[in-house]
Protein backbone atom coordinates (compact mmCIF):
# COMPACT_ATOMS: atom_id res chain seq x y z
CA UNK A 1 -119.84 -42.14 25.60
CA UNK A 2 -117.07 -41.47 28.43
CA UNK A 3 -115.48 -44.77 29.97
CA UNK A 4 -112.03 -46.30 30.02
CA UNK A 5 -113.67 -49.51 30.23
CA UNK A 6 -114.08 -51.88 26.69
CA UNK A 7 -117.26 -53.49 28.01
CA UNK A 8 -118.71 -50.51 28.42
CA UNK A 9 -117.65 -49.18 25.53
CA UNK A 10 -119.34 -51.96 23.19
CA UNK A 11 -122.88 -51.76 24.88
CA UNK A 12 -122.44 -47.93 24.33
CA UNK A 13 -121.63 -47.67 20.50
CA UNK A 14 -124.50 -51.15 20.32
CA UNK A 15 -127.20 -48.83 21.66
CA UNK A 16 -126.15 -45.77 19.55
CA UNK A 17 -123.01 -44.05 20.98
CA UNK A 18 -121.20 -42.40 18.42
CA UNK A 19 -118.25 -41.43 19.99
CA UNK A 20 -116.15 -42.97 22.88
CA UNK A 21 -114.25 -40.82 25.47
CA UNK A 22 -110.91 -42.14 26.96
CA UNK A 23 -108.83 -40.71 29.64
CA UNK A 24 -107.17 -43.58 29.82
CA UNK A 25 -105.94 -43.50 26.20
CA UNK A 26 -106.09 -47.02 25.91
CA UNK A 27 -103.83 -47.67 29.14
CA UNK A 28 -106.45 -49.27 31.74
CA UNK A 29 -107.82 -51.60 29.46
CA UNK A 30 -106.07 -53.48 27.31
CA UNK A 31 -109.10 -54.12 25.33
CA UNK A 32 -110.67 -50.72 24.22
CA UNK A 33 -108.88 -49.96 21.46
CA UNK A 34 -110.09 -53.34 19.61
CA UNK A 35 -113.53 -52.51 20.62
CA UNK A 36 -113.28 -48.58 18.73
CA UNK A 37 -111.61 -50.56 15.95
CA UNK A 38 -114.09 -52.82 15.35
CA UNK A 39 -116.56 -50.25 15.59
CA UNK A 40 -115.04 -47.65 13.43
CA UNK A 41 -115.97 -44.96 15.91
CA UNK A 42 -113.99 -41.63 16.60
CA UNK A 43 -112.14 -41.53 19.85
CA UNK A 44 -110.63 -39.13 21.98
CA UNK A 45 -107.49 -40.07 23.80
CA UNK A 46 -106.46 -38.05 26.59
CA UNK A 47 -102.62 -37.63 27.74
CA UNK A 48 -102.02 -40.16 30.15
CA UNK A 49 -99.00 -42.17 31.47
CA UNK A 50 -99.53 -43.91 34.53
CA UNK A 51 -102.89 -42.75 35.84
CA UNK A 52 -105.43 -39.90 33.89
CA UNK A 53 -104.17 -36.98 33.33
CA UNK A 54 -100.65 -37.26 34.81
CA UNK A 55 -98.99 -36.15 32.15
CA UNK A 56 -97.62 -32.26 33.51
CA UNK A 57 -95.91 -30.65 31.11
CA UNK A 58 -96.21 -30.08 27.19
CA UNK A 59 -93.44 -32.33 26.66
CA UNK A 60 -94.96 -35.47 28.54
CA UNK A 61 -98.40 -34.47 27.05
CA UNK A 62 -97.08 -34.93 23.73
CA UNK A 63 -95.07 -38.12 24.62
CA UNK A 64 -98.42 -39.74 25.99
CA UNK A 65 -100.08 -38.71 23.00
CA UNK A 66 -97.84 -40.25 20.56
CA UNK A 67 -97.59 -43.97 22.57
CA UNK A 68 -101.45 -43.84 22.52
CA UNK A 69 -102.09 -43.00 18.99
CA UNK A 70 -99.29 -45.92 18.73
CA UNK A 71 -101.51 -48.05 20.49
CA UNK A 72 -104.31 -47.51 18.62
CA UNK A 73 -103.38 -47.43 15.42
CA UNK A 74 -101.48 -51.00 16.00
CA UNK A 75 -104.81 -52.21 17.33
CA UNK A 76 -106.42 -50.88 13.89
CA UNK A 77 -108.12 -48.09 15.14
CA UNK A 78 -107.99 -45.40 11.91
CA UNK A 79 -105.92 -42.58 12.24
CA UNK A 80 -108.39 -39.99 11.30
CA UNK A 81 -110.84 -41.07 14.17
CA UNK A 82 -108.53 -40.28 16.53
CA UNK A 83 -109.03 -36.93 18.62
CA UNK A 84 -106.21 -36.12 21.49
CA UNK A 85 -106.73 -34.16 24.66
CA UNK A 86 -103.95 -32.33 26.85
CA UNK A 87 -105.70 -33.62 29.85
CA UNK A 88 -106.07 -29.91 30.93
CA UNK A 89 -107.22 -29.53 34.46
CA UNK A 90 -106.28 -30.69 38.34
CA UNK A 91 -106.15 -34.74 37.86
CA UNK A 92 -103.52 -35.39 40.13
CA UNK A 93 -102.12 -33.72 43.19
CA UNK A 94 -99.12 -32.65 41.50
CA UNK A 95 -100.90 -30.51 38.77
CA UNK A 96 -101.29 -27.46 39.82
CA UNK A 97 -102.51 -24.64 37.54
CA UNK A 98 -98.95 -23.60 36.63
CA UNK A 99 -98.95 -26.18 34.53
CA UNK A 100 -102.31 -25.83 32.90
CA UNK A 101 -101.39 -22.05 31.91
CA UNK A 102 -98.58 -23.61 30.24
CA UNK A 103 -100.23 -26.16 28.34
CA UNK A 104 -103.02 -23.72 27.02
CA UNK A 105 -100.06 -21.38 26.09
CA UNK A 106 -98.52 -24.16 24.13
CA UNK A 107 -101.45 -25.95 22.55
CA UNK A 108 -100.51 -24.96 19.25
CA UNK A 109 -96.75 -27.80 19.60
CA UNK A 110 -99.97 -30.43 19.85
CA UNK A 111 -99.68 -30.20 15.60
CA UNK A 112 -96.83 -32.32 15.38
CA UNK A 113 -99.58 -35.07 16.09
CA UNK A 114 -101.48 -34.24 13.04
CA UNK A 115 -104.93 -34.72 14.91
CA UNK A 116 -107.84 -32.62 16.02
CA UNK A 117 -107.50 -31.12 19.92
CA UNK A 118 -110.06 -31.13 22.05
CA UNK A 119 -110.21 -28.85 25.50
CA UNK A 120 -112.03 -30.03 28.29
CA UNK A 121 -111.52 -26.15 29.92
CA UNK A 122 -115.49 -25.11 31.10
CA UNK A 123 -115.47 -24.12 34.33
CA UNK A 124 -112.24 -26.07 35.88
CA UNK A 125 -110.30 -25.34 38.79
CA UNK A 126 -107.54 -23.66 37.62
CA UNK A 127 -109.82 -21.24 35.95
CA UNK A 128 -110.95 -20.79 39.76
CA UNK A 129 -107.66 -20.69 40.68
CA UNK A 130 -106.62 -17.76 38.77
CA UNK A 131 -109.57 -15.69 39.12
CA UNK A 132 -110.36 -16.18 43.28
CA UNK A 133 -113.78 -18.38 42.25
CA UNK A 134 -114.32 -21.32 44.43
CA UNK A 135 -118.32 -21.80 42.93
CA UNK A 136 -117.51 -23.44 39.19
CA UNK A 137 -120.91 -21.33 38.29
CA UNK A 138 -118.83 -18.22 38.67
CA UNK A 139 -116.07 -19.21 36.42
CA UNK A 140 -118.28 -17.99 32.85
CA UNK A 141 -115.62 -15.30 31.85
CA UNK A 142 -112.58 -17.20 32.89
CA UNK A 143 -113.88 -20.52 30.55
CA UNK A 144 -114.49 -18.15 27.91
CA UNK A 145 -111.30 -16.21 28.22
CA UNK A 146 -109.40 -19.78 27.95
CA UNK A 147 -111.64 -21.14 25.39
CA UNK A 148 -110.29 -18.12 22.99
CA UNK A 149 -107.02 -18.38 23.80
CA UNK A 150 -107.35 -22.57 23.46
CA UNK A 151 -108.79 -22.10 19.72
CA UNK A 152 -106.48 -19.38 19.08
CA UNK A 153 -103.73 -21.66 19.59
CA UNK A 154 -105.17 -25.17 18.03
CA UNK A 155 -108.24 -26.28 20.14
CA UNK A 156 -110.50 -27.48 17.12
CA UNK A 157 -112.85 -29.26 19.66
CA UNK A 158 -114.16 -27.49 23.18
CA UNK A 159 -116.28 -29.20 25.75
CA UNK A 160 -118.36 -26.77 27.64
CA UNK A 161 -120.85 -26.65 30.22
CA UNK A 162 -122.28 -23.04 28.88
CA UNK A 163 -122.67 -24.16 24.80
CA UNK A 164 -124.06 -20.36 23.48
CA UNK A 165 -121.54 -17.95 25.06
CA UNK A 166 -118.83 -20.43 24.44
CA UNK A 167 -119.94 -21.12 21.16
CA UNK A 168 -119.36 -16.99 20.17
CA UNK A 169 -116.06 -16.69 21.63
CA UNK A 170 -114.70 -20.08 19.90
CA UNK A 171 -116.15 -18.32 16.60
CA UNK A 172 -114.49 -15.00 17.05
CA UNK A 173 -111.25 -16.63 18.26
CA UNK A 174 -111.55 -18.60 14.81
CA UNK A 175 -112.61 -15.66 12.83
CA UNK A 176 -109.12 -14.05 14.30
CA UNK A 177 -107.20 -16.94 13.76
CA UNK A 178 -108.18 -17.85 10.25
CA UNK A 179 -108.74 -14.01 8.97
CA UNK A 180 -112.55 -15.65 8.48
CA UNK A 181 -115.34 -14.59 9.60
CA UNK A 182 -118.09 -16.94 7.84
CA UNK A 183 -119.84 -18.46 10.77
CA UNK A 184 -118.58 -22.11 11.77
């Protein structure tokens, strides 16, 4: 369930949701971390300082995620249930394409957090900016390229619109990264 509201997360978990994606990273609703802790479910926390996706540099991303992880753990969220998302995308006016390219390039630095890394890059505006593709449906090749780079640089989970093609790109990047060709 993609929500920033504890009440919505609680209801979703009661009817079968298995994971919460909180783009506010426990910062907008003080009860959210408690709901996640009580449910014992995984949670995705996006790099957020004051407004969603406003962490621009990798240093800001790491600092914001460290703070959100601490908020979660203080509320009782098990560390192994926390997944981090660097917040790639043009979330705020000051977040230009270059910031997203830098985050992808430096994604491996998130290993310092000791948590799985999720990236949501499929068809994003920054891909359109680089390739000159205003229509998101024309960004498949750019999305696949960005996915391969993300996996090579440490992404564990990739959100996508194009499952089959993205899975193949991710599998190939994983095989190159690890030197293992088995299926994932």
